[in-house]
Each structure stands twice: as C-alpha cells, then as structure tokens.
Amino acid sequence: MNAIDDLTLQDCDLEDIEDIIPKIEKSFNLKFKREEFLGVKTFGDICKIVENHLDYHDQDCTLQQGFYMIRLAISKAQNIDQITIKTSSKLEDLFPRKTRIGDWKKVEKELGFKVPVLTMKNGLILTLLTGFILSTLCFFLSWKIALGGLIGFGVLSKFLGLFSKELSVQTVGELSRKISSENYTLVRRKKSSGNRQEVLNMIRELFATKLYVNREALNSDSRLPL
C-alpha cells in the first residue's frame, strides 16, 4: 500500500473518482451529461470535458480574486482593516475559538455561499468512524442493532458537527485556494469565464484534496483505474 502522498489516480476506486464529478459541476457551475464521460480514460479527458463548457476570453487570476473576496468578507465580518489581512494570516488568530462558529457564519453571509472549514477534532472523528464500522459489522448478528447503530451515530455526527470548532485550513492563503477550487465560477468576476491555465490546476486541486492523490502525479496522461 502506498503512502498517501504517493497515491496515484490508478490507486483510487472508480466510484470515488465518479464522486468528484458533482464537485466539479458545483465548482464550475456546470451540468454534464452522462454520455460525455463515455470512453474517458485519463485525467486529461476529464479536464477537456470541463474546458468544452467554459469561455476562456478572461485571463484574470481566480486565486487572486479568491483572496480579495475572502479578505473583504473577513474584514466586514470581523471589523478588521483589510490591509492587515495577508495570505499568511492564521485563521485561528482571526477567529477566536470562543466565537468561531458565529463569526464564520458572518463570513459565509458576506461571501454569499457556504464554505465548510469547521470540523470535529480528529479523535472524535475516529470515534464516530469506529462506531459506524462496528454498526456495519453488526449486520452479521442483528440488522436491527446495526441499523439502530448507524442511525444513532449518524444523528450524533450531525449534532456534533453543528458545534465543531476545529479549522480544516490554517491560513487565509489556504482558504483562498479552497474557495477558488471548490467555487471557481462564484469567485470569478465574470461567472461564465475561465482561465485556461488555471482550470487544470483547479481540477487537480479537487482530486488532490478529495482523493488524497499526489498533485505531482496528476497530469493529462494520468490513467483512470480500469
């Protein structure tokens, strides 16, 4: 088994790769037809499908626009001078833990869309994951116990998620990259436009963060699993 940093596209399950398509649709505000993916064999093939739906006349830098957008939102939500917010600024300093949940909702309101950056502690995530696994195994003993466990841990997970305060990204720069890759067209001034040089990197970012694939191993010729 490869280390996570060494994972390639062929190490992934095809079903997991298919789950990335709705995320690409959301990021680029697109809707694909299923038949468009017939015969797709490489990472480059997926990128070409996205490219065919975008207008490339605008060459503005989306990552830069993402930084300007998040900087303005944080400035308004937290009443902070924009000039003090840098890409290296730490989110834990900008959002005190005590008021972090409410403060982040203010930022999302300024942005106009949701950006999930608050998560549970790793130990709690592991505990819930263990509970889900054990509940699934209980199907071999009693489906009622298994179903009850899955529902119970599902509700508990949802409930605890409402009060999560851990940050999944650490700096404003990382946050800019996250919103730019996950909400590409919402970040851009011209919503239907795209920067050809950026699109491949943005799709690569989605694959890397969602599937833990090595970014350097993702190129146009990278083959999908059979």
Protein backbone atom coordinates (compact mmCIF):
# COMPACT_ATOMS: atom_id res chain seq x y z
CA MET A 1 0.00 0.00 0.00
CA ASN A 2 1.42 3.37 -0.98
CA ALA A 3 1.79 6.24 1.45
CA ILE A 4 -0.94 8.83 1.00
CA ASP A 5 1.47 11.31 -0.57
CA ASP A 6 2.40 8.72 -3.21
CA LEU A 7 -1.13 7.76 -4.27
CA THR A 8 -1.83 7.93 -7.99
CA LEU A 9 -5.13 8.04 -9.85
CA GLN A 10 -4.99 4.29 -10.50
CA ASP A 11 -4.77 3.62 -6.76
CA CYS A 12 -8.27 5.10 -6.34
CA ASP A 13 -11.62 3.37 -6.73
CA LEU A 14 -13.54 4.33 -9.86
CA GLU A 15 -16.60 5.05 -7.70
CA ASP A 16 -14.61 7.62 -5.68
CA ILE A 17 -13.50 9.32 -8.89
CA GLU A 18 -17.11 9.43 -10.09
CA ASP A 19 -17.99 11.19 -6.82
CA ILE A 20 -15.67 14.04 -7.82
CA ILE A 21 -17.79 14.90 -10.89
CA PRO A 22 -20.60 16.58 -8.87
CA LYS A 23 -17.93 18.61 -7.05
CA ILE A 24 -16.53 19.75 -10.40
CA GLU A 25 -20.06 20.66 -11.51
CA LYS A 26 -20.55 22.71 -8.34
CA SER A 27 -17.19 24.46 -8.60
CA PHE A 28 -17.59 25.45 -12.26
CA ASN A 29 -21.39 25.84 -12.16
CA LEU A 30 -21.84 23.22 -14.87
CA LYS A 31 -24.13 20.29 -15.56
CA PHE A 32 -22.67 17.39 -17.51
CA LYS A 33 -24.49 14.75 -19.49
CA ARG A 34 -23.61 11.21 -18.51
CA GLU A 35 -22.73 10.27 -22.10
CA GLU A 36 -19.97 12.92 -22.11
CA PHE A 37 -17.88 10.62 -19.94
CA LEU A 38 -18.24 7.54 -22.11
CA GLY A 39 -14.79 6.48 -23.25
CA VAL A 40 -12.98 8.71 -20.75
CA LYS A 41 -9.65 7.07 -19.89
CA THR A 42 -7.36 9.78 -18.50
CA PHE A 43 -7.33 12.79 -16.19
CA GLY A 44 -6.80 14.91 -19.29
CA ASP A 45 -10.02 13.59 -20.81
CA ILE A 46 -11.96 14.84 -17.77
CA CYS A 47 -10.28 18.25 -17.99
CA LYS A 48 -11.18 18.56 -21.69
CA ILE A 49 -14.85 17.95 -20.92
CA VAL A 50 -14.78 20.83 -18.43
CA GLU A 51 -12.88 23.05 -20.87
CA ASN A 52 -15.50 22.47 -23.56
CA HIS A 53 -18.10 24.11 -21.31
CA LEU A 54 -16.15 27.26 -20.41
CA ASP A 55 -15.40 30.58 -22.09
CA TYR A 56 -11.68 31.36 -21.96
CA HIS A 57 -11.66 35.01 -23.01
CA ASP A 58 -10.99 36.22 -19.46
CA GLN A 59 -7.44 35.54 -18.22
CA ASP A 60 -7.79 37.03 -14.72
CA CYS A 61 -6.25 35.05 -11.87
CA THR A 62 -9.01 33.28 -9.94
CA LEU A 63 -6.82 32.56 -6.92
CA GLN A 64 -6.09 36.27 -6.60
CA GLN A 65 -9.79 37.08 -6.92
CA GLY A 66 -10.49 34.44 -4.27
CA PHE A 67 -8.05 36.11 -1.89
CA TYR A 68 -9.61 39.55 -2.48
CA MET A 69 -13.07 38.09 -1.91
CA ILE A 70 -12.24 36.28 1.33
CA ARG A 71 -10.20 39.21 2.62
CA LEU A 72 -13.15 41.57 2.12
CA ALA A 73 -15.57 39.10 3.74
CA ILE A 74 -13.34 38.63 6.80
CA SER A 75 -12.78 42.38 7.04
CA LYS A 76 -16.51 43.11 7.12
CA ALA A 77 -17.48 40.18 9.35
CA GLN A 78 -14.73 40.76 11.92
CA ASN A 79 -14.44 44.55 11.56
CA ILE A 80 -10.75 44.27 10.65
CA ASP A 81 -8.79 46.55 8.34
CA GLN A 82 -8.27 44.72 5.02
CA ILE A 83 -4.65 45.82 4.82
CA THR A 84 -3.80 43.74 7.90
CA ILE A 85 -5.12 40.51 6.32
CA LYS A 86 -2.37 38.66 4.44
CA THR A 87 -2.24 35.25 2.77
CA SER A 88 -0.05 34.15 5.69
CA SER A 89 -2.55 35.35 8.32
CA LYS A 90 -3.60 32.50 10.59
CA LEU A 91 -7.32 31.80 10.81
CA GLU A 92 -7.03 30.85 14.48
CA ASP A 93 -5.89 34.43 15.16
CA LEU A 94 -8.66 35.98 13.07
CA PHE A 95 -11.38 33.75 14.52
CA PRO A 96 -11.15 33.27 18.31
CA ARG A 97 -12.27 29.79 19.31
CA LYS A 98 -14.94 31.08 21.70
CA THR A 99 -16.93 32.88 18.98
CA ARG A 100 -15.64 30.97 15.94
CA ILE A 101 -18.92 29.33 14.86
CA GLY A 102 -20.89 32.58 14.84
CA ASP A 103 -18.02 34.53 13.30
CA TRP A 104 -17.68 32.07 10.45
CA LYS A 105 -21.41 32.25 9.69
CA LYS A 106 -20.95 36.00 9.26
CA VAL A 107 -18.14 35.39 6.75
CA GLU A 108 -20.32 32.95 4.78
CA LYS A 109 -23.12 35.54 4.74
CA GLU A 110 -20.70 38.11 3.29
CA LEU A 111 -19.45 35.61 0.70
CA GLY A 112 -22.93 34.54 -0.30
CA PHE A 113 -22.13 30.81 -0.22
CA LYS A 114 -21.15 28.11 2.26
CA VAL A 115 -17.50 27.26 2.87
CA PRO A 116 -17.11 24.26 5.22
CA VAL A 117 -13.92 24.89 7.19
CA LEU A 118 -15.04 23.98 10.71
CA THR A 119 -14.65 20.33 11.63
CA MET A 120 -14.51 17.99 14.61
CA LYS A 121 -11.37 17.00 16.49
CA ASN A 122 -9.51 14.08 14.94
CA GLY A 123 -10.13 11.89 18.00
CA LEU A 124 -13.86 12.45 17.80
CA ILE A 125 -13.91 11.74 14.06
CA LEU A 126 -12.06 8.48 14.70
CA THR A 127 -14.53 7.52 17.44
CA LEU A 128 -17.52 8.13 15.16
CA LEU A 129 -15.87 6.26 12.30
CA THR A 130 -15.23 3.31 14.60
CA GLY A 131 -18.89 3.41 15.65
CA PHE A 132 -20.05 3.31 12.02
CA ILE A 133 -17.73 0.39 11.25
CA LEU A 134 -18.85 -1.61 14.30
CA SER A 135 -22.51 -0.90 13.49
CA THR A 136 -21.98 -2.17 9.95
CA LEU A 137 -20.37 -5.36 11.27
CA CYS A 138 -23.41 -5.91 13.47
CA PHE A 139 -25.44 -6.74 10.34
CA PHE A 140 -23.90 -10.22 10.67
CA LEU A 141 -25.54 -10.51 14.11
CA SER A 142 -28.71 -8.41 14.03
CA TRP A 143 -29.89 -5.99 11.38
CA LYS A 144 -31.93 -4.12 13.98
CA ILE A 145 -28.88 -3.42 16.15
CA ALA A 146 -26.82 -2.50 13.08
CA LEU A 147 -29.47 -0.14 11.70
CA GLY A 148 -30.00 1.44 15.11
CA GLY A 149 -26.27 2.00 15.47
CA LEU A 150 -25.91 3.58 12.03
CA ILE A 151 -28.86 5.90 12.62
CA GLY A 152 -27.65 6.77 16.11
CA PHE A 153 -24.09 7.57 15.05
CA GLY A 154 -25.43 9.45 12.03
CA VAL A 155 -27.58 11.69 14.20
CA LEU A 156 -24.74 12.13 16.70
CA SER A 157 -22.35 13.05 13.90
CA LYS A 158 -24.79 15.64 12.55
CA PHE A 159 -25.38 17.08 16.02
CA LEU A 160 -21.70 17.33 16.93
CA GLY A 161 -20.96 18.87 13.53
CA LEU A 162 -23.10 21.86 14.49
CA PHE A 163 -20.70 22.66 17.32
CA SER A 164 -17.39 21.85 15.63
CA LYS A 165 -14.68 24.48 16.00
CA GLU A 166 -11.53 22.87 14.55
CA LEU A 167 -10.16 24.50 11.41
CA SER A 168 -9.60 22.33 8.34
CA VAL A 169 -7.35 25.01 6.78
CA GLN A 170 -4.90 27.14 8.70
CA THR A 171 -4.18 30.33 6.77
CA VAL A 172 -6.01 32.87 4.62
CA GLY A 173 -3.92 31.70 1.66
CA GLU A 174 -5.07 28.09 2.10
CA LEU A 175 -8.64 29.33 2.47
CA SER A 176 -8.33 31.33 -0.78
CA ARG A 177 -7.17 28.20 -2.58
CA LYS A 178 -10.05 26.19 -1.11
CA ILE A 179 -12.81 28.58 -2.16
CA SER A 180 -11.21 29.08 -5.58
CA SER A 181 -11.08 25.35 -6.34
CA GLU A 182 -14.47 24.46 -4.83
CA ASN A 183 -16.39 27.54 -6.05
CA TYR A 184 -14.50 28.56 -9.19
CA THR A 185 -17.24 30.45 -11.04
CA LEU A 186 -18.64 32.10 -7.89
CA VAL A 187 -15.22 33.57 -7.16
CA ARG A 188 -14.65 34.97 -10.64
CA ARG A 189 -15.93 38.44 -11.56
CA LYS A 190 -17.22 37.08 -14.90
CA LYS A 191 -19.12 33.99 -13.81
CA SER A 192 -19.14 32.11 -17.12
CA SER A 193 -15.49 32.75 -17.90
CA GLY A 194 -12.39 30.72 -17.19
CA ASN A 195 -8.62 30.98 -17.33
CA ARG A 196 -7.35 28.06 -19.41
CA GLN A 197 -4.09 27.87 -17.48
CA GLU A 198 -5.97 27.66 -14.19
CA VAL A 199 -8.63 25.08 -14.99
CA LEU A 200 -6.27 22.10 -14.95
CA ASN A 201 -4.79 23.24 -11.63
CA MET A 202 -8.21 23.77 -10.08
CA ILE A 203 -9.43 20.31 -11.11
CA ARG A 204 -6.12 18.85 -9.92
CA GLU A 205 -6.69 20.56 -6.56
CA LEU A 206 -10.12 18.94 -6.21
CA PHE A 207 -8.70 15.49 -6.97
CA ALA A 208 -5.77 16.00 -4.61
CA THR A 209 -7.82 17.24 -1.65
CA LYS A 210 -10.79 14.89 -2.03
CA LEU A 211 -8.93 11.71 -3.08
CA TYR A 212 -5.53 12.44 -1.46
CA VAL A 213 -3.82 11.91 -4.81
CA ASN A 214 -0.30 13.26 -5.25
CA ARG A 215 -0.64 16.53 -7.18
CA GLU A 216 2.63 15.96 -9.00
CA ALA A 217 1.36 12.59 -10.23
CA LEU A 218 -1.71 14.17 -11.83
CA ASN A 219 -1.19 15.17 -15.44
CA SER A 220 -3.10 14.93 -18.72
CA ASP A 221 -1.85 11.38 -19.36
CA SER A 222 -2.67 10.02 -15.87
CA ARG A 223 -4.90 6.99 -16.49
CA LEU A 224 -8.08 6.22 -14.61
CA PRO A 225 -8.43 2.84 -12.87
CA LEU A 226 -9.91 0.10 -15.04
